[in-house]
Amino acid sequence: MHCLESADFGDDVEQAVIDVDAGLTVADGEVLATVGRRRTSDRPWAYGEDAADGADVEDTRRVTLQPYRDWGEGGAGTMRVFIPVT
């Protein structure tokens, strides 16, 4: 199991979404994913839907996903295991 750490992505890992069309890459033992930031909305979460076309996603880049067992080795911060997809 791998996670997204704030040390690699920034403090707002709760806004992270993985671009599944870009796929995952394994290189030199590291797992890389294309991850973007979903813009926040004022709509109530229980009564609205996320944009299915990814139009609300910005700041997309390749990020290393860390093995869960190594979480925090790069310093204190937050992490996310279950990441929504676009």
Protein backbone atom coordinates (compact mmCIF):
# COMPACT_ATOMS: atom_id res chain seq x y z
CA MET A 1 0.00 0.00 0.00
CA HIS A 2 1.26 3.46 -0.91
CA CYS A 3 0.30 6.93 0.27
CA LEU A 4 0.56 10.53 -0.83
CA GLU A 5 2.51 12.64 1.66
CA SER A 6 2.25 16.37 2.18
CA ALA A 7 6.07 16.46 2.00
CA ASP A 8 5.75 15.52 -1.70
CA PHE A 9 2.44 17.20 -2.63
CA GLY A 10 1.80 20.07 -0.23
CA ASP A 11 -0.36 20.51 2.84
CA ASP A 12 -3.68 20.01 1.09
CA VAL A 13 -3.59 16.25 0.41
CA GLU A 14 -7.36 16.20 1.03
CA GLN A 15 -7.79 17.97 -2.34
CA ALA A 16 -5.63 15.45 -4.24
CA VAL A 17 -7.01 13.40 -7.13
CA ILE A 18 -5.17 10.83 -9.26
CA ASP A 19 -5.42 10.96 -13.05
CA VAL A 20 -6.09 7.28 -13.81
CA ASP A 21 -5.79 7.88 -17.57
CA ALA A 22 -2.13 8.82 -17.05
CA GLY A 23 -1.53 5.54 -15.19
CA LEU A 24 1.07 4.69 -12.59
CA THR A 25 4.76 4.34 -13.36
CA VAL A 26 7.30 2.30 -11.44
CA ALA A 27 10.87 3.54 -11.89
CA ASP A 28 13.89 2.72 -9.75
CA GLY A 29 11.62 1.16 -7.14
CA GLU A 30 9.41 4.26 -6.82
CA VAL A 31 5.73 4.51 -7.73
CA LEU A 32 4.84 7.71 -9.60
CA ALA A 33 1.32 9.00 -10.20
CA THR A 34 -0.09 12.03 -11.96
CA VAL A 35 -1.84 13.91 -9.18
CA GLY A 36 -3.85 17.12 -9.36
CA ARG A 37 -5.57 19.39 -6.92
CA ARG A 38 -9.38 19.56 -6.97
CA ARG A 39 -10.64 23.12 -6.48
CA THR A 40 -12.89 23.49 -3.48
CA SER A 41 -16.52 24.37 -3.91
CA ASP A 42 -19.15 26.05 -1.78
CA ARG A 43 -21.76 23.45 -2.65
CA PRO A 44 -22.78 21.07 0.15
CA TRP A 45 -20.87 17.81 -0.28
CA ALA A 46 -23.89 15.59 0.16
CA TYR A 47 -25.96 17.38 -2.50
CA GLY A 48 -23.59 18.00 -5.36
CA GLU A 49 -21.46 15.96 -7.70
CA ASP A 50 -17.83 16.40 -8.64
CA ALA A 51 -17.20 17.44 -12.21
CA ALA A 52 -16.81 14.18 -14.11
CA ASP A 53 -14.71 15.79 -16.84
CA GLY A 54 -11.94 16.88 -14.48
CA ALA A 55 -12.59 20.57 -15.20
CA ASP A 56 -12.26 21.32 -11.48
CA VAL A 57 -8.73 19.85 -11.28
CA GLU A 58 -5.62 22.04 -11.47
CA ASP A 59 -1.90 21.97 -10.68
CA THR A 60 -1.42 18.46 -12.12
CA ARG A 61 2.05 16.94 -11.79
CA ARG A 62 3.93 13.66 -11.31
CA VAL A 63 4.35 12.78 -7.64
CA THR A 64 6.05 9.89 -5.87
CA LEU A 65 3.71 7.76 -3.76
CA GLN A 66 5.47 6.51 -0.64
CA PRO A 67 5.15 3.03 0.84
CA TYR A 68 2.80 3.34 3.82
CA ARG A 69 5.40 1.81 6.13
CA ASP A 70 7.77 4.72 5.30
CA TRP A 71 5.26 7.47 6.08
CA GLY A 72 6.84 10.33 8.00
CA GLU A 73 10.46 9.48 7.22
CA GLY A 74 10.71 12.69 5.19
CA GLY A 75 9.51 14.77 8.14
CA ALA A 76 6.30 15.47 9.98
CA GLY A 77 3.21 15.95 7.84
CA THR A 78 -0.08 14.56 6.67
CA MET A 79 -0.76 11.73 4.27
CA ARG A 80 -3.59 10.17 2.32
CA VAL A 81 -4.04 6.53 1.31
CA PHE A 82 -7.45 6.51 -0.36
CA ILE A 83 -7.17 9.09 -3.13
CA PRO A 84 -10.12 9.94 -5.40
CA VAL A 85 -9.63 9.59 -9.16
CA THR A 86 -10.48 11.81 -12.11
